[in-house]
């Protein structure tokens, strides 16, 4: 099980904030970005304010803001790291055989 340090709302707000920062760095108004991307001005305003937007609209904004390639990195398959393996996978690993403690060759009373 993966533990997330941020809520969905925090991630959503962070993405919206980064998009707004890129828009401002490119010296674009909301209306200019909306026109260039084909996204309605009201959708762009809602996105920057609440982080809510349709995926197609988000991708169109990313295209204009030159960060569309970032979406290719989402949900890519990766190899699990030992620390993030599931408990079931760890328990399925065969246990190492160990030598019994005590004296060798000594018989126990019968």
Protein backbone atom coordinates (compact mmCIF):
# COMPACT_ATOMS: atom_id res chain seq x y z
CA UNK A 1 0.00 0.00 0.00
CA UNK A 2 1.33 3.41 -0.97
CA UNK A 3 1.09 6.29 1.45
CA UNK A 4 0.39 9.66 -0.15
CA UNK A 5 1.58 12.80 1.57
CA UNK A 6 -0.79 15.11 -0.30
CA UNK A 7 -4.54 15.04 -0.74
CA UNK A 8 -6.18 15.04 -4.16
CA UNK A 9 -7.27 18.62 -3.53
CA UNK A 10 -3.69 19.68 -2.72
CA UNK A 11 -2.35 18.08 -5.90
CA UNK A 12 -5.14 19.67 -7.94
CA UNK A 13 -4.41 23.12 -6.44
CA UNK A 14 -0.69 22.68 -7.07
CA UNK A 15 -1.22 21.85 -10.74
CA UNK A 16 -3.53 24.84 -11.18
CA UNK A 17 -1.01 27.11 -9.48
CA UNK A 18 1.84 25.91 -11.69
CA UNK A 19 -0.24 26.45 -14.81
CA UNK A 20 -1.08 29.98 -13.70
CA UNK A 21 2.60 30.66 -12.99
CA UNK A 22 3.51 29.47 -16.51
CA UNK A 23 0.76 31.62 -18.02
CA UNK A 24 2.04 34.70 -16.20
CA UNK A 25 5.67 33.92 -17.11
CA UNK A 26 4.60 33.85 -20.76
CA UNK A 27 2.90 37.22 -20.20
CA UNK A 28 -0.52 35.90 -21.22
CA UNK A 29 -3.84 37.05 -19.83
CA UNK A 30 -6.52 34.49 -19.05
CA UNK A 31 -8.44 35.61 -22.12
CA UNK A 32 -5.37 35.25 -24.37
CA UNK A 33 -4.61 31.77 -23.10
CA UNK A 34 -8.25 30.77 -23.46
CA UNK A 35 -8.31 31.97 -27.08
CA UNK A 36 -5.03 30.28 -28.02
CA UNK A 37 -5.98 26.98 -26.39
CA UNK A 38 -9.63 26.81 -27.41
CA UNK A 39 -10.63 26.51 -23.74
CA UNK A 40 -13.45 28.77 -22.63
CA UNK A 41 -12.48 31.70 -20.45
CA UNK A 42 -14.88 30.56 -17.73
CA UNK A 43 -13.28 27.09 -17.68
CA UNK A 44 -9.82 28.62 -17.38
CA UNK A 45 -10.95 30.90 -14.54
CA UNK A 46 -12.51 27.95 -12.69
CA UNK A 47 -9.35 25.91 -13.21
CA UNK A 48 -7.07 28.59 -11.80
CA UNK A 49 -9.42 29.23 -8.89
CA UNK A 50 -10.57 25.68 -7.99
CA UNK A 51 -8.32 23.32 -9.95
CA UNK A 52 -11.29 21.80 -11.79
CA UNK A 53 -11.08 21.25 -15.57
CA UNK A 54 -11.79 18.60 -18.20
CA UNK A 55 -8.78 16.53 -19.27
CA UNK A 56 -8.99 17.66 -22.92
CA UNK A 57 -9.03 21.28 -21.81
CA UNK A 58 -6.07 20.70 -19.49
CA UNK A 59 -4.09 19.12 -22.32
CA UNK A 60 -4.93 22.03 -24.65
CA UNK A 61 -3.69 24.49 -22.02
CA UNK A 62 -0.53 22.40 -21.57
CA UNK A 63 0.10 22.51 -25.32
CA UNK A 64 0.01 26.31 -25.38
CA UNK A 65 2.05 26.57 -22.15
CA UNK A 66 4.70 24.21 -23.56
CA UNK A 67 4.34 21.47 -20.96
CA UNK A 68 2.31 18.83 -22.82
CA UNK A 69 5.26 16.41 -22.70
CA UNK A 70 4.93 16.30 -18.91
CA UNK A 71 1.74 14.26 -19.32
CA UNK A 72 3.65 11.44 -21.03
CA UNK A 73 5.27 10.75 -17.66
CA UNK A 74 1.97 10.08 -15.87
CA UNK A 75 1.12 6.53 -14.84
CA UNK A 76 4.15 4.95 -16.52
CA UNK A 77 4.98 1.39 -15.53
CA UNK A 78 7.93 1.15 -13.20
CA UNK A 79 9.71 -1.54 -11.30
CA UNK A 80 8.73 -1.83 -7.64
CA UNK A 81 11.31 -0.78 -5.11
CA UNK A 82 11.85 -3.23 -2.25
CA UNK A 83 10.56 -0.71 0.29
CA UNK A 84 7.29 -0.35 -1.62
CA UNK A 85 6.53 -4.01 -2.22
CA UNK A 86 3.25 -5.26 -0.91
CA UNK A 87 3.13 -7.21 2.31
CA UNK A 88 1.86 -10.24 0.36
CA UNK A 89 4.92 -10.15 -1.92
CA UNK A 90 7.27 -9.92 1.05
CA UNK A 91 5.56 -12.81 2.83
CA UNK A 92 5.71 -14.94 -0.33
CA UNK A 93 9.51 -14.70 -0.35
CA UNK A 94 10.95 -18.03 0.84
CA UNK A 95 12.60 -17.85 4.24
CA UNK A 96 16.32 -18.49 4.46
CA UNK A 97 17.22 -21.79 6.10
CA UNK A 98 19.25 -21.33 9.22
CA UNK A 99 21.25 -23.74 11.26
CA UNK A 100 19.72 -24.73 14.56
CA UNK A 101 21.46 -23.30 17.58
CA UNK A 102 23.01 -25.55 20.17
CA UNK A 103 25.73 -28.17 20.13
CA UNK A 104 26.27 -30.27 17.05
CA UNK A 105 26.23 -34.03 17.32
CA UNK A 106 24.77 -34.00 20.77
CA UNK A 107 21.75 -36.18 21.18
CA UNK A 108 18.85 -34.95 23.18
CA UNK A 109 17.61 -37.27 25.90
CA UNK A 110 14.99 -39.74 24.80
